[in-house]
Amino acid sequence: MKTNLDQNSIANEHQSQTKRIERRRKTIQAIYNLTNYKSYHAFKKANARLNLFFGVLAIGGLISCFMAGQFGAIF
């Protein structure tokens, strides 16, 4: 009976280790996909979106400098 319990715990440990490895592989793949593009066109589109995001962020920062009270500090 004891050996059967030991085998079950070993199987559960192996299964959890396999899940951990799979989760780590998916995370690494997601990071790779964020930084490597399939074509130059995909790179240009991502770069344009990033430029737009930083432009909106800069305009929001400039506008918040001229807002009265705490709203500008919160913004």
PDB file of N, CA and C in Angstrom:
ATOM      1  N   MET A   1       0.817  -1.193   0.000  1.00  0.00           N
ATOM      2  CA  MET A   1       0.000   0.000   0.000  1.00  0.00           C
ATOM      3  C   MET A   1       0.867   1.266   0.000  1.00  0.00           C
ATOM      4  N   LYS A   2       1.935   1.216   0.785  1.00  0.00           N
ATOM      5  CA  LYS A   2       2.794   2.390   0.863  1.00  0.00           C
ATOM      6  C   LYS A   2       3.480   2.675  -0.476  1.00  0.00           C
ATOM      7  N   THR A   3       3.875   1.632  -1.181  1.00  0.00           N
ATOM      8  CA  THR A   3       4.544   1.852  -2.458  1.00  0.00           C
ATOM      9  C   THR A   3       3.587   2.452  -3.479  1.00  0.00           C
ATOM     10  N   ASN A   4       2.310   2.092  -3.409  1.00  0.00           N
ATOM     11  CA  ASN A   4       1.310   2.653  -4.319  1.00  0.00           C
ATOM     12  C   ASN A   4       1.145   4.155  -4.075  1.00  0.00           C
ATOM     13  N   LEU A   5       1.145   4.573  -2.801  1.00  0.00           N
ATOM     14  CA  LEU A   5       1.058   5.991  -2.468  1.00  0.00           C
ATOM     15  C   LEU A   5       2.296   6.733  -2.946  1.00  0.00           C
ATOM     16  N   ASP A   6       3.450   6.096  -2.802  1.00  0.00           N
ATOM     17  CA  ASP A   6       4.683   6.725  -3.268  1.00  0.00           C
ATOM     18  C   ASP A   6       4.659   6.925  -4.781  1.00  0.00           C
ATOM     19  N   GLN A   7       4.152   5.940  -5.507  1.00  0.00           N
ATOM     20  CA  GLN A   7       4.071   6.060  -6.957  1.00  0.00           C
ATOM     21  C   GLN A   7       3.106   7.169  -7.372  1.00  0.00           C
ATOM     22  N   ASN A   8       1.990   7.306  -6.646  1.00  0.00           N
ATOM     23  CA  ASN A   8       1.038   8.383  -6.955  1.00  0.00           C
ATOM     24  C   ASN A   8       1.649   9.753  -6.702  1.00  0.00           C
ATOM     25  N   SER A   9       2.384   9.890  -5.610  1.00  0.00           N
ATOM     26  CA  SER A   9       2.991  11.189  -5.312  1.00  0.00           C
ATOM     27  C   SER A   9       4.068  11.524  -6.338  1.00  0.00           C
ATOM     28  N   ILE A  10       4.811  10.505  -6.775  1.00  0.00           N
ATOM     29  CA  ILE A  10       5.835  10.733  -7.801  1.00  0.00           C
ATOM     30  C   ILE A  10       5.170  11.143  -9.113  1.00  0.00           C
ATOM     31  N   ALA A  11       4.058  10.500  -9.460  1.00  0.00           N
ATOM     32  CA  ALA A  11       3.341  10.844 -10.693  1.00  0.00           C
ATOM     33  C   ALA A  11       2.790  12.258 -10.618  1.00  0.00           C
ATOM     34  N   ASN A  12       2.231  12.649  -9.471  1.00  0.00           N
ATOM     35  CA  ASN A  12       1.704  14.013  -9.304  1.00  0.00           C
ATOM     36  C   ASN A  12       2.819  15.041  -9.384  1.00  0.00           C
ATOM     37  N   GLU A  13       3.963  14.715  -8.788  1.00  0.00           N
ATOM     38  CA  GLU A  13       5.100  15.636  -8.834  1.00  0.00           C
ATOM     39  C   GLU A  13       5.604  15.802 -10.261  1.00  0.00           C
ATOM     40  N   HIS A  14       5.658  14.704 -11.001  1.00  0.00           N
ATOM     41  CA  HIS A  14       6.094  14.758 -12.402  1.00  0.00           C
ATOM     42  C   HIS A  14       5.115  15.576 -13.240  1.00  0.00           C
ATOM     43  N   GLN A  15       3.816  15.414 -12.975  1.00  0.00           N
ATOM     44  CA  GLN A  15       2.802  16.164 -13.721  1.00  0.00           C
ATOM     45  C   GLN A  15       2.912  17.664 -13.438  1.00  0.00           C
ATOM     46  N   SER A  16       3.118  18.040 -12.171  1.00  0.00           N
ATOM     47  CA  SER A  16       3.238  19.464 -11.851  1.00  0.00           C
ATOM     48  C   SER A  16       4.521  20.050 -12.440  1.00  0.00           C
ATOM     49  N   GLN A  17       5.590  19.244 -12.470  1.00  0.00           N
ATOM     50  CA  GLN A  17       6.840  19.720 -13.067  1.00  0.00           C
ATOM     51  C   GLN A  17       6.654  19.925 -14.578  1.00  0.00           C
ATOM     52  N   THR A  18       5.931  19.031 -15.221  1.00  0.00           N
ATOM     53  CA  THR A  18       5.663  19.159 -16.649  1.00  0.00           C
ATOM     54  C   THR A  18       4.852  20.415 -16.941  1.00  0.00           C
ATOM     55  N   LYS A  19       3.862  20.717 -16.091  1.00  0.00           N
ATOM     56  CA  LYS A  19       3.057  21.927 -16.265  1.00  0.00           C
ATOM     57  C   LYS A  19       3.915  23.174 -16.100  1.00  0.00           C
ATOM     58  N   ARG A  20       4.821  23.137 -15.115  1.00  0.00           N
ATOM     59  CA  ARG A  20       5.710  24.279 -14.887  1.00  0.00           C
ATOM     60  C   ARG A  20       6.606  24.530 -16.099  1.00  0.00           C
ATOM     61  N   ILE A  21       7.140  23.452 -16.665  1.00  0.00           N
ATOM     62  CA  ILE A  21       8.011  23.578 -17.839  1.00  0.00           C
ATOM     63  C   ILE A  21       7.225  24.130 -19.020  1.00  0.00           C
ATOM     64  N   GLU A  22       5.994  23.652 -19.212  1.00  0.00           N
ATOM     65  CA  GLU A  22       5.157  24.126 -20.314  1.00  0.00           C
ATOM     66  C   GLU A  22       4.819  25.617 -20.140  1.00  0.00           C
ATOM     67  N   ARG A  23       4.501  26.033 -18.912  1.00  0.00           N
ATOM     68  CA  ARG A  23       4.192  27.440 -18.637  1.00  0.00           C
ATOM     69  C   ARG A  23       5.421  28.317 -18.907  1.00  0.00           C
ATOM     70  N   ARG A  24       6.590  27.838 -18.512  1.00  0.00           N
ATOM     71  CA  ARG A  24       7.828  28.589 -18.745  1.00  0.00           C
ATOM     72  C   ARG A  24       8.103  28.719 -20.246  1.00  0.00           C
ATOM     73  N   ARG A  25       7.866  27.629 -21.008  1.00  0.00           N
ATOM     74  CA  ARG A  25       8.075  27.659 -22.447  1.00  0.00           C
ATOM     75  C   ARG A  25       7.138  28.653 -23.130  1.00  0.00           C
ATOM     76  N   LYS A  26       5.877  28.696 -22.672  1.00  0.00           N
ATOM     77  CA  LYS A  26       4.913  29.636 -23.248  1.00  0.00           C
ATOM     78  C   LYS A  26       5.312  31.074 -22.943  1.00  0.00           C
ATOM     79  N   THR A  27       5.814  31.324 -21.742  1.00  0.00           N
ATOM     80  CA  THR A  27       6.246  32.677 -21.374  1.00  0.00           C
ATOM     81  C   THR A  27       7.426  33.115 -22.229  1.00  0.00           C
ATOM     82  N   ILE A  28       8.390  32.237 -22.403  1.00  0.00           N
ATOM     83  CA  ILE A  28       9.554  32.564 -23.218  1.00  0.00           C
ATOM     84  C   ILE A  28       9.138  32.810 -24.666  1.00  0.00           C
ATOM     85  N   GLN A  29       8.205  32.002 -25.174  1.00  0.00           N
ATOM     86  CA  GLN A  29       7.724  32.176 -26.547  1.00  0.00           C
ATOM     87  C   GLN A  29       6.995  33.509 -26.704  1.00  0.00           C
ATOM     88  N   ALA A  30       6.218  33.916 -25.694  1.00  0.00           N
ATOM     89  CA  ALA A  30       5.500  35.187 -25.758  1.00  0.00           C
ATOM     90  C   ALA A  30       6.482  36.361 -25.777  1.00  0.00           C
ATOM     91  N   ILE A  31       7.525  36.292 -24.963  1.00  0.00           N
ATOM     92  CA  ILE A  31       8.542  37.350 -24.951  1.00  0.00           C
ATOM     93  C   ILE A  31       9.266  37.401 -26.295  1.00  0.00           C
ATOM     94  N   TYR A  32       9.573  36.243 -26.844  1.00  0.00           N
ATOM     95  CA  TYR A  32      10.231  36.193 -28.161  1.00  0.00           C
ATOM     96  C   TYR A  32       9.337  36.828 -29.225  1.00  0.00           C
ATOM     97  N   ASN A  33       8.036  36.519 -29.196  1.00  0.00           N
ATOM     98  CA  ASN A  33       7.127  37.068 -30.201  1.00  0.00           C
ATOM     99  C   ASN A  33       6.959  38.580 -30.063  1.00  0.00           C
ATOM    100  N   LEU A  34       7.134  39.116 -28.849  1.00  0.00           N
ATOM    101  CA  LEU A  34       7.044  40.561 -28.662  1.00  0.00           C
ATOM    102  C   LEU A  34       8.239  41.295 -29.262  1.00  0.00           C
ATOM    103  N   THR A  35       9.368  40.638 -29.328  1.00  0.00           N
ATOM    104  CA  THR A  35      10.584  41.325 -29.763  1.00  0.00           C
ATOM    105  C   THR A  35      11.080  40.900 -31.135  1.00  0.00           C
ATOM    106  N   ASN A  36      10.467  39.895 -31.754  1.00  0.00           N
ATOM    107  CA  ASN A  36      10.892  39.429 -33.077  1.00  0.00           C
ATOM    108  C   ASN A  36       9.698  39.425 -34.009  1.00  0.00           C
ATOM    109  N   TYR A  37       9.860  40.022 -35.140  1.00  0.00           N
ATOM    110  CA  TYR A  37       8.760  40.196 -36.078  1.00  0.00           C
ATOM    111  C   TYR A  37       8.931  39.261 -37.267  1.00  0.00           C
ATOM    112  N   LYS A  38       7.819  38.863 -37.864  1.00  0.00           N
ATOM    113  CA  LYS A  38       7.856  37.937 -38.992  1.00  0.00           C
ATOM    114  C   LYS A  38       8.213  38.638 -40.296  1.00  0.00           C
ATOM    115  N   SER A  39       7.986  39.955 -40.364  1.00  0.00           N
ATOM    116  CA  SER A  39       8.314  40.694 -41.582  1.00  0.00           C
ATOM    117  C   SER A  39       8.655  42.136 -41.208  1.00  0.00           C
ATOM    118  N   TYR A  40       9.222  42.832 -42.161  1.00  0.00           N
ATOM    119  CA  TYR A  40       9.549  44.234 -41.952  1.00  0.00           C
ATOM    120  C   TYR A  40       8.271  45.054 -41.810  1.00  0.00           C
ATOM    121  N   HIS A  41       7.220  44.664 -42.534  1.00  0.00           N
ATOM    122  CA  HIS A  41       5.940  45.362 -42.448  1.00  0.00           C
ATOM    123  C   HIS A  41       5.360  45.267 -41.027  1.00  0.00           C
ATOM    124  N   ALA A  42       5.464  44.102 -40.405  1.00  0.00           N
ATOM    125  CA  ALA A  42       4.978  43.932 -39.028  1.00  0.00           C
ATOM    126  C   ALA A  42       5.773  44.816 -38.071  1.00  0.00           C
ATOM    127  N   PHE A  43       7.078  44.908 -38.303  1.00  0.00           N
ATOM    128  CA  PHE A  43       7.923  45.778 -37.475  1.00  0.00           C
ATOM    129  C   PHE A  43       7.508  47.236 -37.613  1.00  0.00           C
ATOM    130  N   LYS A  44       7.268  47.675 -38.843  1.00  0.00           N
ATOM    131  CA  LYS A  44       6.878  49.067 -39.070  1.00  0.00           C
ATOM    132  C   LYS A  44       5.534  49.384 -38.422  1.00  0.00           C
ATOM    133  N   LYS A  45       4.575  48.456 -38.501  1.00  0.00           N
ATOM    134  CA  LYS A  45       3.274  48.674 -37.884  1.00  0.00           C
ATOM    135  C   LYS A  45       3.397  48.767 -36.365  1.00  0.00           C
ATOM    136  N   ALA A  46       4.187  47.884 -35.772  1.00  0.00           N
ATOM    137  CA  ALA A  46       4.377  47.912 -34.327  1.00  0.00           C
ATOM    138  C   ALA A  46       5.088  49.191 -33.899  1.00  0.00           C
ATOM    139  N   ASN A  47       6.040  49.629 -34.701  1.00  0.00           N
ATOM    140  CA  ASN A  47       6.765  50.857 -34.404  1.00  0.00           C
ATOM    141  C   ASN A  47       5.838  52.077 -34.499  1.00  0.00           C
ATOM    142  N   ALA A  48       4.933  52.082 -35.465  1.00  0.00           N
ATOM    143  CA  ALA A  48       3.973  53.182 -35.599  1.00  0.00           C
ATOM    144  C   ALA A  48       3.024  53.220 -34.398  1.00  0.00           C
ATOM    145  N   ARG A  49       2.568  52.055 -33.941  1.00  0.00           N
ATOM    146  CA  ARG A  49       1.701  52.011 -32.756  1.00  0.00           C
ATOM    147  C   ARG A  49       2.430  52.521 -31.522  1.00  0.00           C
ATOM    148  N   LEU A  50       3.700  52.148 -31.385  1.00  0.00           N
ATOM    149  CA  LEU A  50       4.490  52.604 -30.242  1.00  0.00           C
ATOM    150  C   LEU A  50       4.703  54.111 -30.298  1.00  0.00           C
ATOM    151  N   ASN A  51       4.964  54.644 -31.492  1.00  0.00           N
ATOM    152  CA  ASN A  51       5.115  56.089 -31.652  1.00  0.00           C
ATOM    153  C   ASN A  51       3.834  56.825 -31.279  1.00  0.00           C
ATOM    154  N   LEU A  52       2.701  56.295 -31.707  1.00  0.00           N
ATOM    155  CA  LEU A  52       1.412  56.893 -31.365  1.00  0.00           C
ATOM    156  C   LEU A  52       1.188  56.878 -29.849  1.00  0.00           C
ATOM    157  N   PHE A  53       1.481  55.756 -29.226  1.00  0.00           N
ATOM    158  CA  PHE A  53       1.312  55.640 -27.778  1.00  0.00           C
ATOM    159  C   PHE A  53       2.167  56.662 -27.034  1.00  0.00           C
ATOM    160  N   PHE A  54       3.442  56.766 -27.391  1.00  0.00           N
ATOM    161  CA  PHE A  54       4.317  57.726 -26.716  1.00  0.00           C
ATOM    162  C   PHE A  54       3.936  59.167 -27.033  1.00  0.00           C
ATOM    163  N   GLY A  55       3.420  59.417 -28.223  1.00  0.00           N
ATOM    164  CA  GLY A  55       2.946  60.761 -28.559  1.00  0.00           C
ATOM    165  C   GLY A  55       1.762  61.161 -27.697  1.00  0.00           C
ATOM    166  N   VAL A  56       0.793  60.258 -27.557  1.00  0.00           N
ATOM    167  CA  VAL A  56      -0.369  60.539 -26.693  1.00  0.00           C
ATOM    168  C   VAL A  56       0.086  60.730 -25.248  1.00  0.00           C
ATOM    169  N   LEU A  57       1.037  59.921 -24.801  1.00  0.00           N
ATOM    170  CA  LEU A  57       1.561  60.044 -23.443  1.00  0.00           C
ATOM    171  C   LEU A  57       2.244  61.401 -23.236  1.00  0.00           C
ATOM    172  N   ALA A  58       3.018  61.851 -24.211  1.00  0.00           N
ATOM    173  CA  ALA A  58       3.709  63.138 -24.098  1.00  0.00           C
ATOM    174  C   ALA A  58       2.711  64.292 -24.108  1.00  0.00           C
ATOM    175  N   ILE A  59       1.711  64.237 -24.976  1.00  0.00           N
ATOM    176  CA  ILE A  59       0.699  65.297 -25.018  1.00  0.00           C
ATOM    177  C   ILE A  59      -0.080  65.345 -23.706  1.00  0.00           C
ATOM    178  N   GLY A  60      -0.429  64.162 -23.181  1.00  0.00           N
ATOM    179  CA  GLY A  60      -1.119  64.112 -21.883  1.00  0.00           C
ATOM    180  C   GLY A  60      -0.268  64.690 -20.770  1.00  0.00           C
ATOM    181  N   GLY A  61       1.027  64.435 -20.804  1.00  0.00           N
ATOM    182  CA  GLY A  61       1.934  64.998 -19.806  1.00  0.00           C
ATOM    183  C   GLY A  61       2.025  66.510 -19.895  1.00  0.00           C
ATOM    184  N   LEU A  62       2.078  67.025 -21.121  1.00  0.00           N
ATOM    185  CA  LEU A  62       2.128  68.482 -21.298  1.00  0.00           C
ATOM    186  C   LEU A  62       0.829  69.142 -20.841  1.00  0.00           C
ATOM    187  N   ILE A  63      -0.290  68.538 -21.172  1.00  0.00           N
ATOM    188  CA  ILE A  63      -1.584  69.100 -20.769  1.00  0.00           C
ATOM    189  C   ILE A  63      -1.723  69.089 -19.249  1.00  0.00           C
ATOM    190  N   SER A  64      -1.260  68.020 -18.603  1.00  0.00           N
ATOM    191  CA  SER A  64      -1.415  67.926 -17.155  1.00  0.00           C
ATOM    192  C   SER A  64      -0.577  68.980 -16.422  1.00  0.00           C
ATOM    193  N   CYS A  65       0.468  69.495 -17.070  1.00  0.00           N
ATOM    194  CA  CYS A  65       1.268  70.547 -16.443  1.00  0.00           C
ATOM    195  C   CYS A  65       0.462  71.834 -16.254  1.00  0.00           C
ATOM    196  N   PHE A  66      -0.521  72.061 -17.107  1.00  0.00           N
ATOM    197  CA  PHE A  66      -1.290  73.297 -17.058  1.00  0.00           C
ATOM    198  C   PHE A  66      -2.648  73.144 -16.376  1.00  0.00           C
ATOM    199  N   MET A  67      -2.933  71.975 -15.824  1.00  0.00           N
ATOM    200  CA  MET A  67      -4.215  71.768 -15.137  1.00  0.00           C
ATOM    201  C   MET A  67      -4.102  72.255 -13.706  1.00  0.00           C
ATOM    202  N   ALA A  68      -5.206  72.809 -13.226  1.00  0.00           N
ATOM    203  CA  ALA A  68      -5.204  73.342 -11.857  1.00  0.00           C
ATOM    204  C   ALA A  68      -5.488  72.241 -10.852  1.00  0.00           C
ATOM    205  N   GLY A  69      -4.977  72.422  -9.663  1.00  0.00           N
ATOM    206  CA  GLY A  69      -5.304  71.520  -8.557  1.00  0.00           C
ATOM    207  C   GLY A  69      -4.634  70.170  -8.661  1.00  0.00           C
ATOM    208  N   GLN A  70      -5.259  69.230  -7.962  1.00  0.00           N
ATOM    209  CA  GLN A  70      -4.674  67.898  -7.899  1.00  0.00           C
ATOM    210  C   GLN A  70      -4.966  67.063  -9.147  1.00  0.00           C
ATOM    211  N   PHE A  71      -5.905  67.465  -9.953  1.00  0.00           N
ATOM    212  CA  PHE A  71      -6.251  66.665 -11.127  1.00  0.00           C
ATOM    213  C   PHE A  71      -5.055  66.516 -12.062  1.00  0.00           C
ATOM    214  N   GLY A  72      -4.299  67.587 -12.223  1.00  0.00           N
ATOM    215  CA  GLY A  72      -3.103  67.528 -13.074  1.00  0.00           C
ATOM    216  C   GLY A  72      -2.054  66.578 -12.517  1.00  0.00           C
ATOM    217  N   ALA A  73      -1.894  66.560 -11.200  1.00  0.00           N
ATOM    218  CA  ALA A  73      -0.925  65.667 -10.567  1.00  0.00           C
ATOM    219  C   ALA A  73      -1.381  64.203 -10.697  1.00  0.00           C
ATOM    220  N   ILE A  74      -2.678  63.996 -10.587  1.00  0.00           N
ATOM    221  CA  ILE A  74      -3.194  62.629 -10.724  1.00  0.00           C
ATOM    222  C   ILE A  74      -3.087  62.166 -12.159  1.00  0.00           C
ATOM    223  N   PHE A  75      -3.388  63.038 -13.086  1.00  0.00           N
ATOM    224  CA  PHE A  75      -3.335  62.700 -14.502  1.00  0.00           C
ATOM    225  C   PHE A  75      -1.916  62.438 -14.909  1.00  0.00           C
TER     226      PHE A  75
END
